[in-house]
Amino acid sequence: MGRIIGIDYGRKRTGLAVTDTLQLIATGLTTVPSGEVVRFLTEYSKKESIDLFVVGLPKQMNNEFSENMKYVQAFVTHLKRTIPFIPIEFYDERFTSVLAQRTMLEGGLKKKKRQNKALVDEISAVIILQSYLESKKYHL
């Protein structure tokens, strides 16, 4: 079984998370500049078996897509063209940044670390991916 990659795509930075080979637990992978994420994923997929990309779906509280959706859609189109053999699914990313901040606070991280936007993006990707895994566990 291959890994699943969680992606929290942003205009500047993209947080990435990855599952173990049993697809049970999501852990942070890294944060990369958004212009380099497809190249990074291409190289990563050459080293590791990837079954799926899970991309955070940017929605607002009223269930409409946020302004970031056009950037996410362009990224997904580029990703599909570059790595067509790995399927892509979307997963609602509402509240992930808030949950990431709360996780860092509860984890005892100092204020300076909590202000690290790259770390927030990586933790958000973990939350998206772990939430996706849990949703699938109950829909088998």
N, C-alpha and C. Protein backbone atom coordinates (compact mmCIF):
# COMPACT_ATOMS: atom_id res chain seq x y z
N MET A 1 0.84 -1.17 0.00
CA MET A 1 0.00 0.00 0.00
C MET A 1 0.89 1.25 0.00
N GLY A 2 0.51 2.22 -0.80
CA GLY A 2 1.28 3.46 -0.87
C GLY A 2 0.81 4.48 0.15
N ARG A 3 1.50 5.57 0.19
CA ARG A 3 1.18 6.65 1.11
C ARG A 3 0.12 7.58 0.50
N ILE A 4 -0.48 8.39 1.35
CA ILE A 4 -1.39 9.45 0.91
C ILE A 4 -0.73 10.77 1.32
N ILE A 5 -0.76 11.73 0.41
CA ILE A 5 -0.19 13.05 0.68
C ILE A 5 -1.34 14.03 0.90
N GLY A 6 -1.28 14.78 2.00
CA GLY A 6 -2.23 15.85 2.28
C GLY A 6 -1.60 17.17 1.87
N ILE A 7 -2.40 18.03 1.23
CA ILE A 7 -1.88 19.28 0.68
C ILE A 7 -2.74 20.45 1.14
N ASP A 8 -2.12 21.39 1.83
CA ASP A 8 -2.77 22.65 2.20
C ASP A 8 -2.16 23.72 1.31
N TYR A 9 -2.79 23.95 0.14
CA TYR A 9 -2.23 24.84 -0.86
C TYR A 9 -2.55 26.29 -0.54
N GLY A 10 -1.52 27.11 -0.58
CA GLY A 10 -1.69 28.54 -0.40
C GLY A 10 -0.97 29.29 -1.50
N ARG A 11 -1.25 30.56 -1.65
CA ARG A 11 -0.64 31.34 -2.73
C ARG A 11 0.87 31.45 -2.57
N LYS A 12 1.36 31.52 -1.34
CA LYS A 12 2.80 31.66 -1.11
C LYS A 12 3.46 30.33 -0.74
N ARG A 13 2.85 29.63 0.21
CA ARG A 13 3.43 28.39 0.75
C ARG A 13 2.38 27.28 0.70
N THR A 14 2.90 26.06 0.62
CA THR A 14 2.02 24.89 0.64
C THR A 14 2.52 23.93 1.71
N GLY A 15 1.63 23.61 2.64
CA GLY A 15 1.94 22.64 3.68
C GLY A 15 1.65 21.24 3.17
N LEU A 16 2.55 20.31 3.50
CA LEU A 16 2.39 18.93 3.06
C LEU A 16 2.44 17.98 4.25
N ALA A 17 1.59 16.97 4.21
CA ALA A 17 1.57 15.92 5.21
C ALA A 17 1.56 14.59 4.48
N VAL A 18 1.94 13.53 5.18
CA VAL A 18 2.01 12.21 4.55
C VAL A 18 1.56 11.16 5.55
N THR A 19 0.97 10.09 5.03
CA THR A 19 0.60 8.98 5.90
C THR A 19 1.74 7.98 5.97
N ASP A 20 1.63 7.08 6.93
CA ASP A 20 2.50 5.91 6.97
C ASP A 20 2.04 4.98 5.83
N THR A 21 2.76 3.90 5.60
CA THR A 21 2.42 3.00 4.49
C THR A 21 1.10 2.25 4.72
N LEU A 22 0.66 2.17 5.98
CA LEU A 22 -0.64 1.53 6.26
C LEU A 22 -1.80 2.52 6.15
N GLN A 23 -1.48 3.78 5.89
CA GLN A 23 -2.47 4.85 5.74
C GLN A 23 -3.33 5.03 6.99
N LEU A 24 -2.67 4.99 8.15
CA LEU A 24 -3.38 5.13 9.42
C LEU A 24 -3.15 6.49 10.07
N ILE A 25 -1.93 7.01 9.97
CA ILE A 25 -1.56 8.21 10.71
C ILE A 25 -0.93 9.24 9.77
N ALA A 26 -1.38 10.48 9.91
CA ALA A 26 -0.80 11.58 9.13
C ALA A 26 0.26 12.29 9.95
N THR A 27 1.39 12.59 9.32
CA THR A 27 2.45 13.37 9.97
C THR A 27 2.89 14.47 9.01
N GLY A 28 3.44 15.52 9.59
CA GLY A 28 3.91 16.62 8.77
C GLY A 28 5.09 16.18 7.91
N LEU A 29 5.10 16.64 6.69
CA LEU A 29 6.20 16.33 5.78
C LEU A 29 7.10 17.56 5.65
N THR A 30 6.54 18.66 5.16
CA THR A 30 7.31 19.90 5.00
C THR A 30 6.38 21.00 4.53
N THR A 31 6.92 22.18 4.38
CA THR A 31 6.24 23.30 3.72
C THR A 31 7.19 23.77 2.62
N VAL A 32 6.63 23.95 1.42
CA VAL A 32 7.44 24.39 0.29
C VAL A 32 6.80 25.62 -0.34
N PRO A 33 7.60 26.46 -1.00
CA PRO A 33 7.01 27.57 -1.75
C PRO A 33 6.03 27.01 -2.79
N SER A 34 4.88 27.63 -2.93
CA SER A 34 3.84 27.07 -3.80
C SER A 34 4.29 26.89 -5.25
N GLY A 35 5.18 27.73 -5.72
CA GLY A 35 5.69 27.58 -7.08
C GLY A 35 6.55 26.35 -7.28
N GLU A 36 6.98 25.73 -6.19
CA GLU A 36 7.87 24.56 -6.28
C GLU A 36 7.18 23.26 -5.86
N VAL A 37 5.91 23.32 -5.47
CA VAL A 37 5.26 22.15 -4.88
C VAL A 37 5.10 21.00 -5.87
N VAL A 38 4.76 21.29 -7.11
CA VAL A 38 4.58 20.20 -8.09
C VAL A 38 5.91 19.50 -8.35
N ARG A 39 6.98 20.28 -8.45
CA ARG A 39 8.32 19.69 -8.63
C ARG A 39 8.67 18.82 -7.42
N PHE A 40 8.40 19.34 -6.21
CA PHE A 40 8.68 18.57 -5.00
C PHE A 40 7.90 17.26 -5.00
N LEU A 41 6.61 17.32 -5.33
CA LEU A 41 5.78 16.11 -5.32
C LEU A 41 6.20 15.12 -6.40
N THR A 42 6.66 15.63 -7.52
CA THR A 42 7.17 14.76 -8.59
C THR A 42 8.39 13.98 -8.09
N GLU A 43 9.32 14.68 -7.48
CA GLU A 43 10.53 14.02 -6.95
C GLU A 43 10.17 13.05 -5.82
N TYR A 44 9.27 13.47 -4.93
CA TYR A 44 8.88 12.62 -3.81
C TYR A 44 8.22 11.33 -4.32
N SER A 45 7.38 11.46 -5.35
CA SER A 45 6.67 10.28 -5.88
C SER A 45 7.62 9.31 -6.59
N LYS A 46 8.81 9.76 -6.95
CA LYS A 46 9.81 8.86 -7.53
C LYS A 46 10.47 8.00 -6.46
N LYS A 47 10.48 8.52 -5.21
CA LYS A 47 11.13 7.80 -4.10
C LYS A 47 10.14 6.96 -3.29
N GLU A 48 8.89 7.44 -3.21
CA GLU A 48 7.88 6.78 -2.39
C GLU A 48 6.67 6.42 -3.24
N SER A 49 6.01 5.33 -2.87
CA SER A 49 4.78 4.94 -3.55
C SER A 49 3.63 5.81 -3.00
N ILE A 50 2.98 6.55 -3.87
CA ILE A 50 1.88 7.43 -3.48
C ILE A 50 0.59 6.91 -4.11
N ASP A 51 -0.43 6.69 -3.28
CA ASP A 51 -1.73 6.23 -3.77
C ASP A 51 -2.68 7.36 -4.10
N LEU A 52 -2.53 8.51 -3.40
CA LEU A 52 -3.54 9.55 -3.50
C LEU A 52 -3.00 10.88 -2.99
N PHE A 53 -3.46 11.96 -3.62
CA PHE A 53 -3.26 13.31 -3.10
C PHE A 53 -4.59 13.79 -2.55
N VAL A 54 -4.58 14.33 -1.34
CA VAL A 54 -5.78 14.93 -0.74
C VAL A 54 -5.51 16.43 -0.61
N VAL A 55 -6.27 17.21 -1.34
CA VAL A 55 -6.07 18.66 -1.39
C VAL A 55 -7.16 19.35 -0.58
N GLY A 56 -6.74 20.26 0.28
CA GLY A 56 -7.70 21.04 1.07
C GLY A 56 -8.59 21.88 0.17
N LEU A 57 -9.89 21.77 0.39
CA LEU A 57 -10.89 22.49 -0.38
C LEU A 57 -11.26 23.77 0.35
N PRO A 58 -10.88 24.93 -0.21
CA PRO A 58 -11.11 26.19 0.51
C PRO A 58 -12.57 26.66 0.42
N LYS A 59 -13.27 26.51 1.53
CA LYS A 59 -14.68 26.93 1.59
C LYS A 59 -14.87 27.95 2.69
N GLN A 60 -15.89 28.77 2.50
CA GLN A 60 -16.26 29.74 3.51
C GLN A 60 -17.35 29.14 4.40
N MET A 61 -17.71 29.87 5.44
CA MET A 61 -18.73 29.38 6.38
C MET A 61 -20.08 29.13 5.70
N ASN A 62 -20.40 29.89 4.65
CA ASN A 62 -21.68 29.71 3.95
C ASN A 62 -21.62 28.59 2.91
N ASN A 63 -20.56 27.81 2.93
CA ASN A 63 -20.35 26.65 2.06
C ASN A 63 -19.96 27.02 0.63
N GLU A 64 -19.74 28.30 0.36
CA GLU A 64 -19.25 28.70 -0.96
C GLU A 64 -17.73 28.65 -0.96
N PHE A 65 -17.16 28.53 -2.16
CA PHE A 65 -15.72 28.49 -2.27
C PHE A 65 -15.13 29.85 -1.92
N SER A 66 -13.96 29.83 -1.31
CA SER A 66 -13.28 31.08 -0.97
C SER A 66 -12.53 31.58 -2.20
N GLU A 67 -11.97 32.77 -2.08
CA GLU A 67 -11.21 33.38 -3.16
C GLU A 67 -10.02 32.51 -3.57
N ASN A 68 -9.48 31.74 -2.64
CA ASN A 68 -8.31 30.90 -2.92
C ASN A 68 -8.63 29.73 -3.85
N MET A 69 -9.90 29.43 -4.08
CA MET A 69 -10.27 28.27 -4.89
C MET A 69 -9.68 28.35 -6.30
N LYS A 70 -9.63 29.54 -6.89
CA LYS A 70 -9.09 29.65 -8.25
C LYS A 70 -7.61 29.25 -8.30
N TYR A 71 -6.88 29.54 -7.22
CA TYR A 71 -5.47 29.15 -7.16
C TYR A 71 -5.34 27.65 -6.92
N VAL A 72 -6.19 27.12 -6.07
CA VAL A 72 -6.18 25.67 -5.80
C VAL A 72 -6.52 24.91 -7.07
N GLN A 73 -7.53 25.39 -7.81
CA GLN A 73 -7.94 24.72 -9.05
C GLN A 73 -6.81 24.74 -10.08
N ALA A 74 -6.12 25.87 -10.21
CA ALA A 74 -4.99 25.96 -11.15
C ALA A 74 -3.87 25.01 -10.73
N PHE A 75 -3.60 24.94 -9.42
CA PHE A 75 -2.59 24.01 -8.91
C PHE A 75 -2.98 22.56 -9.22
N VAL A 76 -4.23 22.19 -8.95
CA VAL A 76 -4.69 20.82 -9.18
C VAL A 76 -4.61 20.46 -10.67
N THR A 77 -4.95 21.39 -11.53
CA THR A 77 -4.85 21.15 -12.98
C THR A 77 -3.40 20.87 -13.36
N HIS A 78 -2.49 21.66 -12.84
CA HIS A 78 -1.05 21.47 -13.11
C HIS A 78 -0.56 20.14 -12.54
N LEU A 79 -1.01 19.80 -11.34
CA LEU A 79 -0.62 18.55 -10.71
C LEU A 79 -1.12 17.35 -11.51
N LYS A 80 -2.37 17.42 -11.99
CA LYS A 80 -2.94 16.32 -12.80
C LYS A 80 -2.17 16.12 -14.10
N ARG A 81 -1.75 17.22 -14.70
CA ARG A 81 -0.98 17.12 -15.96
C ARG A 81 0.40 16.54 -15.72
N THR A 82 1.00 16.91 -14.60
CA THR A 82 2.37 16.50 -14.31
C THR A 82 2.46 15.08 -13.76
N ILE A 83 1.52 14.73 -12.89
CA ILE A 83 1.52 13.39 -12.28
C ILE A 83 0.12 12.78 -12.48
N PRO A 84 -0.20 12.40 -13.71
CA PRO A 84 -1.57 11.96 -14.02
C PRO A 84 -1.98 10.61 -13.43
N PHE A 85 -1.02 9.82 -13.02
CA PHE A 85 -1.31 8.47 -12.54
C PHE A 85 -1.69 8.42 -11.05
N ILE A 86 -1.60 9.53 -10.35
CA ILE A 86 -1.99 9.57 -8.94
C ILE A 86 -3.30 10.35 -8.82
N PRO A 87 -4.36 9.71 -8.32
CA PRO A 87 -5.65 10.41 -8.21
C PRO A 87 -5.61 11.53 -7.15
N ILE A 88 -6.54 12.46 -7.30
CA ILE A 88 -6.64 13.61 -6.40
C ILE A 88 -8.06 13.68 -5.85
N GLU A 89 -8.16 13.86 -4.53
CA GLU A 89 -9.45 14.09 -3.90
C GLU A 89 -9.37 15.38 -3.12
N PHE A 90 -10.53 16.02 -2.98
CA PHE A 90 -10.61 17.24 -2.18
C PHE A 90 -11.19 16.91 -0.81
N TYR A 91 -10.77 17.70 0.20
CA TYR A 91 -11.35 17.56 1.53
C TYR A 91 -11.49 18.96 2.14
N ASP A 92 -12.64 19.21 2.71
CA ASP A 92 -12.96 20.52 3.29
C ASP A 92 -11.89 20.95 4.29
N GLU A 93 -11.34 22.15 4.08
CA GLU A 93 -10.27 22.62 4.94
C GLU A 93 -10.71 23.71 5.91
N ARG A 94 -12.02 23.94 6.03
CA ARG A 94 -12.47 24.98 6.97
C ARG A 94 -11.95 24.69 8.37
N PHE A 95 -11.53 25.71 9.04
CA PHE A 95 -11.04 25.68 10.42
C PHE A 95 -9.66 25.07 10.60
N THR A 96 -9.01 24.60 9.54
CA THR A 96 -7.71 23.93 9.75
C THR A 96 -6.67 24.89 10.29
N SER A 97 -6.64 26.14 9.83
CA SER A 97 -5.65 27.08 10.35
C SER A 97 -5.92 27.38 11.83
N VAL A 98 -7.20 27.52 12.18
CA VAL A 98 -7.56 27.76 13.59
C VAL A 98 -7.17 26.55 14.44
N LEU A 99 -7.47 25.35 13.94
CA LEU A 99 -7.11 24.13 14.67
C LEU A 99 -5.59 23.99 14.78
N ALA A 100 -4.88 24.37 13.74
CA ALA A 100 -3.41 24.29 13.77
C ALA A 100 -2.86 25.23 14.85
N GLN A 101 -3.39 26.45 14.91
CA GLN A 101 -2.95 27.40 15.94
C GLN A 101 -3.26 26.86 17.33
N ARG A 102 -4.45 26.31 17.51
CA ARG A 102 -4.85 25.75 18.80
C ARG A 102 -3.96 24.57 19.18
N THR A 103 -3.65 23.73 18.22
CA THR A 103 -2.78 22.57 18.46
C THR A 103 -1.41 23.03 18.93
N MET A 104 -0.89 24.06 18.27
CA MET A 104 0.43 24.56 18.65
C MET A 104 0.40 25.17 20.05
N LEU A 105 -0.67 25.89 20.36
CA LEU A 105 -0.82 26.49 21.69
C LEU A 105 -0.91 25.41 22.76
N GLU A 106 -1.76 24.41 22.52
CA GLU A 106 -1.94 23.33 23.49
C GLU A 106 -0.69 22.45 23.59
N GLY A 107 0.10 22.43 22.51
CA GLY A 107 1.34 21.65 22.53
C GLY A 107 2.47 22.36 23.25
N GLY A 108 2.19 23.58 23.70
CA GLY A 108 3.18 24.30 24.48
C GLY A 108 4.23 25.03 23.66
N LEU A 109 3.98 25.23 22.38
CA LEU A 109 4.96 25.94 21.56
C LEU A 109 5.01 27.42 21.96
N LYS A 110 6.20 27.95 21.98
CA LYS A 110 6.40 29.35 22.32
C LYS A 110 5.79 30.25 21.24
N LYS A 111 5.51 31.49 21.60
CA LYS A 111 4.85 32.43 20.69
C LYS A 111 5.61 32.57 19.37
N LYS A 112 6.92 32.64 19.43
CA LYS A 112 7.74 32.79 18.22
C LYS A 112 7.50 31.62 17.25
N LYS A 113 7.45 30.41 17.76
CA LYS A 113 7.19 29.22 16.94
C LYS A 113 5.78 29.24 16.37
N ARG A 114 4.80 29.70 17.19
CA ARG A 114 3.40 29.74 16.74
C ARG A 114 3.20 30.75 15.62
N GLN A 115 4.09 31.73 15.50
CA GLN A 115 3.99 32.73 14.44
C GLN A 115 4.63 32.26 13.14
N ASN A 116 5.23 31.08 13.16
CA ASN A 116 5.86 30.52 11.97
C ASN A 116 4.76 30.02 11.02
N LYS A 117 4.48 30.80 9.97
CA LYS A 117 3.39 30.47 9.06
C LYS A 117 3.64 29.15 8.32
N ALA A 118 4.89 28.83 8.05
CA ALA A 118 5.20 27.56 7.39
C ALA A 118 4.80 26.38 8.28
N LEU A 119 5.03 26.51 9.58
CA LEU A 119 4.64 25.45 10.50
C LEU A 119 3.12 25.34 10.58
N VAL A 120 2.43 26.48 10.58
CA VAL A 120 0.96 26.47 10.57
C VAL A 120 0.44 25.75 9.33
N ASP A 121 1.04 26.02 8.17
CA ASP A 121 0.62 25.37 6.92
C ASP A 121 0.85 23.86 6.96
N GLU A 122 1.98 23.44 7.53
CA GLU A 122 2.28 22.01 7.62
C GLU A 122 1.30 21.32 8.57
N ILE A 123 1.03 21.93 9.70
CA ILE A 123 0.08 21.35 10.65
C ILE A 123 -1.32 21.33 10.05
N SER A 124 -1.67 22.36 9.30
CA SER A 124 -2.98 22.37 8.62
C SER A 124 -3.08 21.20 7.64
N ALA A 125 -2.01 20.91 6.93
CA ALA A 125 -2.01 19.76 6.01
C ALA A 125 -2.20 18.45 6.77
N VAL A 126 -1.59 18.35 7.96
CA VAL A 126 -1.76 17.16 8.79
C VAL A 126 -3.23 17.02 9.21
N ILE A 127 -3.83 18.13 9.61
CA ILE A 127 -5.24 18.11 10.04
C ILE A 127 -6.16 17.71 8.89
N ILE A 128 -5.91 18.28 7.70
CA ILE A 128 -6.70 17.90 6.51
C ILE A 128 -6.58 16.41 6.25
N LEU A 129 -5.36 15.91 6.25
CA LEU A 129 -5.13 14.50 5.92
C LEU A 129 -5.68 13.57 7.00
N GLN A 130 -5.45 13.90 8.27
CA GLN A 130 -5.97 13.03 9.34
C GLN A 130 -7.50 13.03 9.35
N SER A 131 -8.10 14.19 9.10
CA SER A 131 -9.57 14.26 9.03
C SER A 131 -10.09 13.43 7.86
N TYR A 132 -9.39 13.49 6.74
CA TYR A 132 -9.76 12.68 5.58
C TYR A 132 -9.70 11.19 5.93
N LEU A 133 -8.61 10.78 6.57
CA LEU A 133 -8.45 9.37 6.94
C LEU A 133 -9.57 8.93 7.87
N GLU A 134 -9.89 9.76 8.85
CA GLU A 134 -10.95 9.41 9.79
C GLU A 134 -12.31 9.34 9.11
N SER A 135 -12.56 10.21 8.14
CA SER A 135 -13.84 10.17 7.43
C SER A 135 -13.98 8.89 6.62
N LYS A 136 -12.87 8.40 6.08
CA LYS A 136 -12.90 7.17 5.29
C LYS A 136 -13.07 5.94 6.18
N LYS A 137 -12.52 6.02 7.39
CA LYS A 137 -12.61 4.90 8.32
C LYS A 137 -14.07 4.57 8.65
N TYR A 138 -14.89 5.62 8.73
CA TYR A 138 -16.28 5.43 9.11
C TYR A 138 -17.21 5.24 7.90
N HIS A 139 -16.65 5.28 6.70
CA HIS A 139 -17.46 5.09 5.51
C HIS A 139 -17.08 3.83 4.73
N LEU A 140 -16.48 2.89 5.40
CA LEU A 140 -16.08 1.64 4.73
C LEU A 140 -17.23 0.69 4.59
